[in-house]
N, C-alpha and C. Protein backbone atom coordinates (compact mmCIF):
# COMPACT_ATOMS: atom_id res chain seq x y z
N MET A 1 0.84 -1.18 0.04
CA MET A 1 0.01 0.02 -0.01
C MET A 1 0.85 1.27 -0.04
N SER A 2 1.87 1.33 0.91
CA SER A 2 2.75 2.52 0.95
C SER A 2 3.52 2.75 -0.25
N ASN A 3 3.72 1.63 -1.04
CA ASN A 3 4.55 1.75 -2.29
C ASN A 3 3.72 2.25 -3.47
N LEU A 4 2.41 2.45 -3.27
CA LEU A 4 1.56 2.80 -4.39
C LEU A 4 2.07 4.04 -5.11
N ILE A 5 2.45 5.14 -4.36
CA ILE A 5 3.04 6.36 -4.90
C ILE A 5 4.06 6.79 -3.93
N PRO A 6 5.26 6.98 -4.38
CA PRO A 6 6.41 7.49 -3.55
C PRO A 6 5.97 8.86 -2.97
N ILE A 7 6.20 9.03 -1.69
CA ILE A 7 5.83 10.31 -1.03
C ILE A 7 6.53 11.53 -1.64
N GLU A 8 7.78 11.27 -2.19
CA GLU A 8 8.44 12.40 -2.81
C GLU A 8 7.69 12.95 -4.07
N ARG A 9 7.09 11.95 -4.74
CA ARG A 9 6.27 12.34 -5.98
C ARG A 9 5.10 13.21 -5.56
N ILE A 10 4.52 12.84 -4.43
CA ILE A 10 3.39 13.67 -3.91
C ILE A 10 3.87 15.02 -3.47
N GLU A 11 4.97 15.05 -2.72
CA GLU A 11 5.50 16.30 -2.23
C GLU A 11 5.77 17.31 -3.35
N ASN A 12 6.26 16.75 -4.51
CA ASN A 12 6.56 17.61 -5.66
C ASN A 12 5.34 18.29 -6.28
N LYS A 13 4.18 17.70 -5.89
CA LYS A 13 2.90 18.25 -6.43
C LYS A 13 2.17 19.20 -5.40
N ILE A 14 2.83 19.45 -4.38
CA ILE A 14 2.25 20.42 -3.35
C ILE A 14 2.87 21.74 -3.60
N TYR A 15 2.04 22.73 -3.92
CA TYR A 15 2.46 24.11 -4.25
C TYR A 15 2.06 25.07 -3.21
N LEU A 16 2.77 26.24 -3.17
CA LEU A 16 2.34 27.29 -2.28
C LEU A 16 1.68 28.29 -3.11
N ILE A 17 0.37 28.48 -2.97
CA ILE A 17 -0.46 29.41 -3.74
C ILE A 17 -1.32 30.20 -2.72
N ARG A 18 -1.23 31.54 -2.87
CA ARG A 18 -2.02 32.37 -1.93
C ARG A 18 -1.62 32.07 -0.49
N GLY A 19 -0.49 31.66 -0.27
CA GLY A 19 0.05 31.44 1.13
C GLY A 19 -0.44 30.11 1.69
N GLN A 20 -1.08 29.28 0.88
CA GLN A 20 -1.49 28.01 1.38
C GLN A 20 -0.81 26.90 0.54
N LYS A 21 -0.62 25.76 1.25
CA LYS A 21 -0.08 24.59 0.59
C LYS A 21 -1.33 23.84 -0.07
N VAL A 22 -1.23 23.72 -1.44
CA VAL A 22 -2.34 23.16 -2.15
C VAL A 22 -1.81 22.12 -3.18
N MET A 23 -2.81 21.34 -3.66
CA MET A 23 -2.55 20.43 -4.87
C MET A 23 -3.54 20.83 -5.90
N LEU A 24 -3.17 20.72 -7.14
CA LEU A 24 -4.00 21.00 -8.26
C LEU A 24 -4.86 19.87 -8.78
N ASP A 25 -5.99 20.12 -9.29
CA ASP A 25 -6.91 19.06 -9.76
C ASP A 25 -6.32 18.12 -10.73
N ARG A 26 -5.48 18.69 -11.58
CA ARG A 26 -4.75 17.85 -12.61
C ARG A 26 -3.90 16.84 -11.97
N ASP A 27 -3.04 17.26 -10.94
CA ASP A 27 -2.19 16.34 -10.25
C ASP A 27 -2.95 15.31 -9.42
N LEU A 28 -3.99 15.74 -8.80
CA LEU A 28 -4.79 14.85 -7.97
C LEU A 28 -5.46 13.76 -8.94
N ALA A 29 -5.97 14.22 -10.04
CA ALA A 29 -6.58 13.24 -10.93
C ALA A 29 -5.58 12.27 -11.43
N GLU A 30 -4.35 12.72 -11.70
CA GLU A 30 -3.22 11.78 -12.09
C GLU A 30 -3.00 10.73 -10.97
N LEU A 31 -2.90 11.20 -9.75
CA LEU A 31 -2.61 10.33 -8.65
C LEU A 31 -3.78 9.39 -8.36
N TYR A 32 -5.01 9.85 -8.53
CA TYR A 32 -6.16 8.91 -8.33
C TYR A 32 -6.43 8.13 -9.53
N ALA A 33 -5.78 8.27 -10.63
CA ALA A 33 -5.96 7.52 -11.90
C ALA A 33 -7.33 7.70 -12.43
N VAL A 34 -7.84 9.01 -12.44
CA VAL A 34 -9.02 9.39 -13.06
C VAL A 34 -8.83 10.57 -14.00
N GLU A 35 -9.75 10.78 -14.88
CA GLU A 35 -9.65 11.95 -15.64
C GLU A 35 -9.89 13.26 -14.88
N THR A 36 -9.20 14.33 -15.21
CA THR A 36 -9.40 15.58 -14.51
C THR A 36 -10.91 15.93 -14.63
N LYS A 37 -11.46 15.77 -15.76
CA LYS A 37 -12.90 16.07 -15.97
C LYS A 37 -13.81 15.36 -14.98
N LYS A 38 -13.53 14.08 -14.78
CA LYS A 38 -14.35 13.31 -13.80
C LYS A 38 -14.14 13.81 -12.42
N LEU A 39 -12.94 14.17 -12.05
CA LEU A 39 -12.70 14.69 -10.71
C LEU A 39 -13.46 15.98 -10.52
N LYS A 40 -13.40 16.85 -11.50
CA LYS A 40 -14.15 18.12 -11.36
C LYS A 40 -15.67 17.93 -11.35
N GLN A 41 -16.12 16.97 -12.09
CA GLN A 41 -17.58 16.64 -12.03
C GLN A 41 -18.03 16.18 -10.62
N ALA A 42 -17.22 15.36 -10.09
CA ALA A 42 -17.52 14.87 -8.72
C ALA A 42 -17.52 15.99 -7.72
N VAL A 43 -16.57 16.91 -7.86
CA VAL A 43 -16.53 18.05 -6.97
C VAL A 43 -17.75 19.00 -7.24
N LYS A 44 -18.09 19.18 -8.48
CA LYS A 44 -19.19 20.04 -8.77
C LYS A 44 -20.50 19.47 -8.28
N ARG A 45 -20.64 18.16 -8.25
CA ARG A 45 -21.87 17.47 -7.72
C ARG A 45 -21.91 17.60 -6.17
N ASN A 46 -20.81 17.86 -5.56
CA ASN A 46 -20.69 17.92 -4.10
C ASN A 46 -20.10 19.26 -3.69
N ARG A 47 -20.48 20.36 -4.42
CA ARG A 47 -19.88 21.67 -4.15
C ARG A 47 -19.95 22.15 -2.72
N ASP A 48 -21.03 21.82 -1.99
CA ASP A 48 -21.18 22.27 -0.65
C ASP A 48 -20.13 21.68 0.34
N ARG A 49 -19.43 20.64 -0.10
CA ARG A 49 -18.35 20.02 0.72
C ARG A 49 -17.02 20.80 0.56
N PHE A 50 -16.94 21.74 -0.38
CA PHE A 50 -15.72 22.39 -0.69
C PHE A 50 -15.87 23.98 -0.59
N PRO A 51 -15.85 24.46 0.73
CA PRO A 51 -15.83 25.88 0.86
C PRO A 51 -14.50 26.49 0.39
N GLU A 52 -14.43 27.76 0.27
CA GLU A 52 -13.28 28.50 -0.28
C GLU A 52 -11.93 28.12 0.46
N ASP A 53 -11.98 27.78 1.73
CA ASP A 53 -10.77 27.44 2.41
C ASP A 53 -10.39 25.97 2.17
N PHE A 54 -11.20 25.19 1.47
CA PHE A 54 -10.88 23.87 1.11
C PHE A 54 -10.41 23.76 -0.32
N MET A 55 -11.02 24.65 -1.21
CA MET A 55 -10.75 24.60 -2.59
C MET A 55 -11.10 25.94 -3.24
N PHE A 56 -10.20 26.33 -4.21
CA PHE A 56 -10.52 27.56 -4.95
C PHE A 56 -9.94 27.37 -6.34
N GLU A 57 -10.47 28.21 -7.28
CA GLU A 57 -10.03 28.17 -8.63
C GLU A 57 -8.96 29.21 -8.79
N LEU A 58 -7.87 28.82 -9.60
CA LEU A 58 -6.79 29.79 -9.76
C LEU A 58 -7.32 31.02 -10.49
N SER A 59 -6.79 32.16 -10.15
CA SER A 59 -7.11 33.38 -10.82
C SER A 59 -6.54 33.28 -12.25
N ILE A 60 -6.96 34.27 -13.09
CA ILE A 60 -6.50 34.27 -14.48
C ILE A 60 -4.96 34.52 -14.46
N GLU A 61 -4.45 35.45 -13.57
CA GLU A 61 -3.02 35.64 -13.50
C GLU A 61 -2.29 34.37 -13.01
N GLU A 62 -2.77 33.72 -11.96
CA GLU A 62 -2.12 32.57 -11.47
C GLU A 62 -2.16 31.41 -12.59
N PHE A 63 -3.31 31.32 -13.26
CA PHE A 63 -3.33 30.35 -14.35
C PHE A 63 -2.35 30.60 -15.41
N GLU A 64 -2.19 31.84 -15.82
CA GLU A 64 -1.24 32.21 -16.88
C GLU A 64 0.20 31.88 -16.50
N ILE A 65 0.53 32.13 -15.20
CA ILE A 65 1.81 31.80 -14.70
C ILE A 65 2.04 30.30 -14.75
N TRP A 66 1.07 29.61 -14.25
CA TRP A 66 1.10 28.11 -14.17
C TRP A 66 1.17 27.58 -15.64
N ARG A 67 0.35 28.11 -16.52
CA ARG A 67 0.25 27.61 -17.86
C ARG A 67 1.61 27.84 -18.64
N SER A 68 2.26 28.93 -18.35
CA SER A 68 3.50 29.31 -19.00
C SER A 68 4.67 28.31 -18.71
N GLN A 69 4.47 27.47 -17.69
CA GLN A 69 5.46 26.43 -17.36
C GLN A 69 5.51 25.35 -18.41
N PHE A 70 4.45 25.27 -19.26
CA PHE A 70 4.45 24.22 -20.24
C PHE A 70 4.83 24.83 -21.62
N VAL A 71 5.89 24.43 -22.12
CA VAL A 71 6.39 24.81 -23.46
C VAL A 71 5.83 23.82 -24.48
N THR A 72 4.65 24.05 -24.99
CA THR A 72 4.07 23.15 -25.90
C THR A 72 3.03 23.92 -26.76
N SER A 73 2.92 23.39 -28.00
CA SER A 73 1.92 24.00 -28.89
C SER A 73 0.58 23.33 -28.77
N ASN A 74 0.51 22.24 -28.04
CA ASN A 74 -0.66 21.46 -27.80
C ASN A 74 -1.27 21.74 -26.47
N ALA A 75 -1.26 23.03 -26.03
CA ALA A 75 -1.80 23.37 -24.71
C ALA A 75 -3.25 22.84 -24.52
N ASP A 76 -4.10 22.95 -25.54
CA ASP A 76 -5.43 22.53 -25.38
C ASP A 76 -5.58 21.06 -25.16
N LYS A 77 -4.65 20.31 -25.76
CA LYS A 77 -4.74 18.86 -25.61
C LYS A 77 -4.06 18.40 -24.27
N MET A 78 -3.25 19.33 -23.70
CA MET A 78 -2.62 18.99 -22.41
C MET A 78 -3.52 19.27 -21.22
N GLY A 79 -4.76 19.71 -21.54
CA GLY A 79 -5.63 20.02 -20.43
C GLY A 79 -5.38 21.38 -19.77
N LEU A 80 -4.85 22.30 -20.62
CA LEU A 80 -4.49 23.63 -20.05
C LEU A 80 -5.51 24.72 -20.56
N ARG A 81 -6.70 24.25 -20.97
CA ARG A 81 -7.61 25.39 -21.41
C ARG A 81 -8.40 26.00 -20.19
N TRP A 82 -8.62 25.24 -19.17
CA TRP A 82 -9.37 25.69 -17.99
C TRP A 82 -8.54 25.95 -16.76
N ARG A 83 -8.92 26.98 -16.04
CA ARG A 83 -8.24 27.23 -14.77
C ARG A 83 -8.38 26.09 -13.84
N PRO A 84 -7.27 25.64 -13.25
CA PRO A 84 -7.36 24.50 -12.38
C PRO A 84 -7.97 24.85 -11.01
N LEU A 85 -8.47 23.81 -10.32
CA LEU A 85 -8.95 24.02 -9.00
C LEU A 85 -7.77 23.63 -8.10
N ALA A 86 -7.62 24.44 -7.02
CA ALA A 86 -6.50 24.16 -6.01
C ALA A 86 -7.18 23.64 -4.74
N PHE A 87 -6.74 22.59 -4.26
CA PHE A 87 -7.29 21.91 -3.05
C PHE A 87 -6.32 22.04 -1.89
N THR A 88 -6.74 22.57 -0.81
CA THR A 88 -5.91 22.63 0.42
C THR A 88 -5.87 21.23 1.06
N GLU A 89 -5.17 21.07 2.09
CA GLU A 89 -5.15 19.79 2.72
C GLU A 89 -6.54 19.33 3.16
N GLN A 90 -7.37 20.22 3.64
CA GLN A 90 -8.77 19.85 4.03
C GLN A 90 -9.55 19.45 2.85
N GLY A 91 -9.30 20.10 1.71
CA GLY A 91 -10.06 19.79 0.44
C GLY A 91 -9.67 18.44 -0.04
N VAL A 92 -8.41 18.09 0.03
CA VAL A 92 -7.90 16.78 -0.36
C VAL A 92 -8.58 15.73 0.49
N ALA A 93 -8.61 15.96 1.79
CA ALA A 93 -9.26 15.02 2.73
C ALA A 93 -10.72 14.85 2.40
N MET A 94 -11.40 15.97 2.01
CA MET A 94 -12.76 15.85 1.66
C MET A 94 -12.96 15.07 0.30
N LEU A 95 -12.02 15.06 -0.58
CA LEU A 95 -12.06 14.28 -1.79
C LEU A 95 -12.29 12.81 -1.52
N SER A 96 -11.73 12.35 -0.37
CA SER A 96 -11.87 10.89 -0.07
C SER A 96 -13.38 10.57 0.22
N GLY A 97 -14.13 11.55 0.63
CA GLY A 97 -15.57 11.25 0.80
C GLY A 97 -16.35 11.21 -0.47
N ILE A 98 -15.75 11.70 -1.57
CA ILE A 98 -16.56 11.70 -2.85
C ILE A 98 -15.98 10.73 -3.91
N LEU A 99 -14.69 10.41 -3.73
CA LEU A 99 -14.09 9.39 -4.62
C LEU A 99 -13.86 8.18 -3.87
N ARG A 100 -14.63 7.20 -4.14
CA ARG A 100 -14.75 6.03 -3.22
C ARG A 100 -14.01 4.78 -3.61
N SER A 101 -13.24 4.95 -4.68
CA SER A 101 -12.45 3.68 -5.10
C SER A 101 -11.41 3.32 -4.03
N LYS A 102 -10.98 2.06 -4.15
CA LYS A 102 -9.89 1.62 -3.22
C LYS A 102 -8.63 2.43 -3.39
N ARG A 103 -8.30 2.73 -4.71
CA ARG A 103 -7.15 3.51 -5.08
C ARG A 103 -7.23 4.92 -4.45
N ALA A 104 -8.40 5.50 -4.54
CA ALA A 104 -8.59 6.89 -3.98
C ALA A 104 -8.30 6.92 -2.51
N VAL A 105 -8.74 5.89 -1.79
CA VAL A 105 -8.51 5.86 -0.34
C VAL A 105 -7.01 5.72 -0.05
N GLN A 106 -6.35 4.81 -0.79
CA GLN A 106 -4.86 4.66 -0.59
C GLN A 106 -4.10 5.88 -0.91
N VAL A 107 -4.52 6.47 -2.07
CA VAL A 107 -3.76 7.73 -2.44
C VAL A 107 -4.04 8.83 -1.44
N ASN A 108 -5.28 8.99 -0.91
CA ASN A 108 -5.52 10.01 0.01
C ASN A 108 -4.65 9.82 1.36
N ILE A 109 -4.51 8.57 1.81
CA ILE A 109 -3.65 8.28 2.86
C ILE A 109 -2.26 8.76 2.62
N ALA A 110 -1.72 8.48 1.43
CA ALA A 110 -0.32 8.83 1.05
C ALA A 110 -0.25 10.32 0.99
N ILE A 111 -1.21 11.05 0.43
CA ILE A 111 -1.20 12.56 0.39
C ILE A 111 -1.23 13.13 1.78
N MET A 112 -2.06 12.61 2.66
CA MET A 112 -2.15 13.12 4.04
C MET A 112 -0.73 12.93 4.74
N ARG A 113 -0.15 11.83 4.45
CA ARG A 113 1.21 11.57 5.07
C ARG A 113 2.26 12.60 4.49
N ALA A 114 2.08 12.92 3.19
CA ALA A 114 3.05 13.96 2.58
C ALA A 114 2.85 15.32 3.21
N PHE A 115 1.52 15.70 3.38
CA PHE A 115 1.26 16.99 4.05
C PHE A 115 1.86 17.05 5.49
N VAL A 116 1.68 15.91 6.22
CA VAL A 116 2.20 15.88 7.60
C VAL A 116 3.71 15.94 7.53
N ARG A 117 4.35 15.19 6.65
CA ARG A 117 5.83 15.23 6.54
C ARG A 117 6.35 16.66 6.25
N LEU A 118 5.67 17.34 5.32
CA LEU A 118 6.00 18.73 4.96
C LEU A 118 5.82 19.64 6.21
N LYS A 119 4.78 19.53 6.95
CA LYS A 119 4.54 20.40 8.15
C LYS A 119 5.69 20.17 9.11
N ARG A 120 5.99 18.89 9.35
CA ARG A 120 7.14 18.59 10.29
C ARG A 120 8.40 19.21 9.81
N PHE A 121 8.69 19.13 8.52
CA PHE A 121 9.94 19.74 8.04
C PHE A 121 9.90 21.21 8.26
N LEU A 122 8.82 21.85 7.90
CA LEU A 122 8.67 23.33 8.08
C LEU A 122 8.84 23.74 9.59
N SER A 123 8.18 22.95 10.45
CA SER A 123 8.20 23.30 11.91
C SER A 123 9.59 23.08 12.44
N THR A 124 10.37 22.09 12.00
CA THR A 124 11.71 21.90 12.40
C THR A 124 12.57 23.07 11.99
N HIS A 125 12.34 23.60 10.82
CA HIS A 125 13.11 24.73 10.26
C HIS A 125 12.85 25.95 11.20
N VAL A 126 11.67 26.16 11.51
CA VAL A 126 11.23 27.30 12.42
C VAL A 126 11.89 27.12 13.80
N GLU A 127 11.88 25.89 14.30
CA GLU A 127 12.40 25.64 15.59
C GLU A 127 13.93 25.84 15.60
N VAL A 128 14.60 25.37 14.60
CA VAL A 128 16.09 25.53 14.53
C VAL A 128 16.40 27.00 14.49
N SER A 129 15.61 27.83 13.75
CA SER A 129 15.84 29.20 13.63
C SER A 129 15.71 29.97 14.97
N ARG A 130 14.64 29.51 15.69
CA ARG A 130 14.42 30.07 17.02
C ARG A 130 15.53 29.79 17.96
N LYS A 131 15.98 28.53 17.96
CA LYS A 131 17.10 28.13 18.90
C LYS A 131 18.36 28.80 18.54
N LEU A 132 18.61 29.01 17.23
CA LEU A 132 19.82 29.71 16.82
C LEU A 132 19.79 31.14 17.36
N LYS A 133 18.64 31.82 17.32
CA LYS A 133 18.56 33.22 17.85
C LYS A 133 18.80 33.19 19.39
N GLU A 134 18.26 32.20 20.08
CA GLU A 134 18.47 32.05 21.52
C GLU A 134 19.98 31.95 21.87
N LEU A 135 20.60 31.00 21.08
CA LEU A 135 22.05 30.80 21.30
C LEU A 135 22.85 32.09 21.01
N GLU A 136 22.51 32.79 19.98
CA GLU A 136 23.23 33.97 19.56
C GLU A 136 23.08 35.11 20.65
N GLN A 137 21.92 35.17 21.29
CA GLN A 137 21.73 36.12 22.34
C GLN A 137 22.57 35.76 23.56
N LYS A 138 22.65 34.48 23.84
CA LYS A 138 23.39 33.93 25.01
C LYS A 138 24.94 34.29 24.82
N VAL A 139 25.43 34.06 23.59
CA VAL A 139 26.80 34.27 23.33
C VAL A 139 27.15 35.77 23.28
N GLY A 140 26.29 36.53 22.70
CA GLY A 140 26.49 37.99 22.68
C GLY A 140 27.68 38.40 21.81
N GLU A 141 28.32 39.39 22.23
CA GLU A 141 29.46 39.96 21.44
C GLU A 141 30.84 39.33 21.83
N ASN A 142 30.85 38.23 22.57
CA ASN A 142 32.11 37.77 23.05
C ASN A 142 33.13 37.21 22.10
N SER A 143 32.65 36.64 21.00
CA SER A 143 33.54 36.06 20.11
C SER A 143 33.20 36.24 18.67
N SER A 144 34.12 36.73 17.90
CA SER A 144 33.87 36.95 16.49
C SER A 144 33.77 35.60 15.70
N GLU A 145 34.52 34.64 16.20
CA GLU A 145 34.46 33.30 15.49
C GLU A 145 33.06 32.72 15.68
N ILE A 146 32.49 32.83 16.81
CA ILE A 146 31.13 32.29 17.04
C ILE A 146 30.06 33.09 16.19
N ARG A 147 30.27 34.33 16.19
CA ARG A 147 29.38 35.22 15.39
C ARG A 147 29.50 34.81 13.91
N ASN A 148 30.69 34.46 13.44
CA ASN A 148 30.88 34.02 12.06
C ASN A 148 30.16 32.69 11.82
N ILE A 149 30.17 31.81 12.77
CA ILE A 149 29.49 30.49 12.63
C ILE A 149 28.02 30.77 12.54
N PHE A 150 27.47 31.64 13.37
CA PHE A 150 26.02 31.92 13.38
C PHE A 150 25.64 32.54 12.02
N GLU A 151 26.46 33.42 11.52
CA GLU A 151 26.21 33.99 10.16
C GLU A 151 26.18 32.97 9.09
N ALA A 152 27.17 32.03 9.14
CA ALA A 152 27.21 30.94 8.15
C ALA A 152 25.94 30.07 8.21
N ILE A 153 25.56 29.74 9.39
CA ILE A 153 24.34 28.93 9.60
C ILE A 153 23.10 29.65 9.08
N ARG A 154 22.99 30.88 9.36
CA ARG A 154 21.88 31.66 8.87
C ARG A 154 21.87 31.78 7.36
N LYS A 155 22.98 31.90 6.78
CA LYS A 155 23.03 31.89 5.26
C LYS A 155 22.57 30.57 4.73
N LEU A 156 22.98 29.42 5.36
CA LEU A 156 22.52 28.17 4.92
C LEU A 156 20.97 27.95 5.03
N MET A 157 20.37 28.63 5.95
CA MET A 157 18.94 28.49 6.19
C MET A 157 18.18 29.33 5.27
N GLU A 158 18.77 30.36 4.54
CA GLU A 158 18.01 31.20 3.73
C GLU A 158 17.71 30.53 2.39
N PRO A 159 16.55 30.92 1.77
CA PRO A 159 16.26 30.26 0.50
C PRO A 159 17.32 30.72 -0.55
N PRO A 160 17.44 29.82 -1.56
CA PRO A 160 18.53 30.23 -2.56
C PRO A 160 18.16 31.52 -3.26
N PRO A 161 19.24 32.30 -3.59
CA PRO A 161 18.87 33.58 -4.29
C PRO A 161 18.46 33.28 -5.70
N GLY A 162 17.81 34.23 -6.28
CA GLY A 162 17.25 34.10 -7.63
C GLY A 162 15.79 34.37 -7.65
N LYS A 163 15.25 33.96 -8.80
CA LYS A 163 13.75 34.09 -9.08
C LYS A 163 13.01 33.17 -8.11
N PRO A 164 11.86 33.54 -7.58
CA PRO A 164 11.07 32.68 -6.76
C PRO A 164 10.42 31.60 -7.75
N ARG A 165 10.19 30.42 -7.26
CA ARG A 165 9.71 29.31 -7.99
C ARG A 165 8.34 29.69 -8.53
N LYS A 166 8.11 29.52 -9.82
CA LYS A 166 6.78 29.70 -10.40
C LYS A 166 5.84 28.60 -10.09
N ILE A 167 4.58 28.89 -10.20
CA ILE A 167 3.52 27.83 -10.04
C ILE A 167 3.59 26.92 -11.26
N GLY A 168 3.52 25.63 -11.05
CA GLY A 168 3.41 24.69 -12.18
C GLY A 168 4.46 23.60 -12.10
N PHE A 169 4.54 22.86 -13.20
CA PHE A 169 5.44 21.78 -13.34
C PHE A 169 6.72 22.15 -13.88
N LEU A 170 7.78 21.50 -13.49
CA LEU A 170 9.08 21.66 -14.06
C LEU A 170 9.26 20.53 -15.07
N ARG A 171 9.53 20.83 -16.26
CA ARG A 171 9.73 19.77 -17.28
C ARG A 171 11.13 19.86 -17.84
């Protein structure tokens, strides 16, 4: 069961959009082994289960950024005509109530594990940062070598310089 989908594959399909960790309908459909159209139809039939904090449609700007990730002349055939739905963790959990196949249940379990793993990673990063500040305050101005070490650690914790990651797939 746990080998159904590698957790890293799921983690690569979790995006940060509007400050929320989400998965797009297209990726979820692929994981559930259903057509995106069928997934959207099931959601549409159960719209009351998906309030705005569970699921939202990408704005036109967000969609254009996401769509620009695909360098293809067959955009219409790639399923890139319609703005995708973005599902938060709660929205993905709600999908398990409307997609009832055995695979859907197993995939949902794997996705929930990926979200939990991501939360743990992020909370560890925040905790390390907090402890680093505490240590730095205790050490104070006493040693330039220690200050250099703190500065090096802080640089390692910063996101890489350059353009922020765009929404979408990397091909």
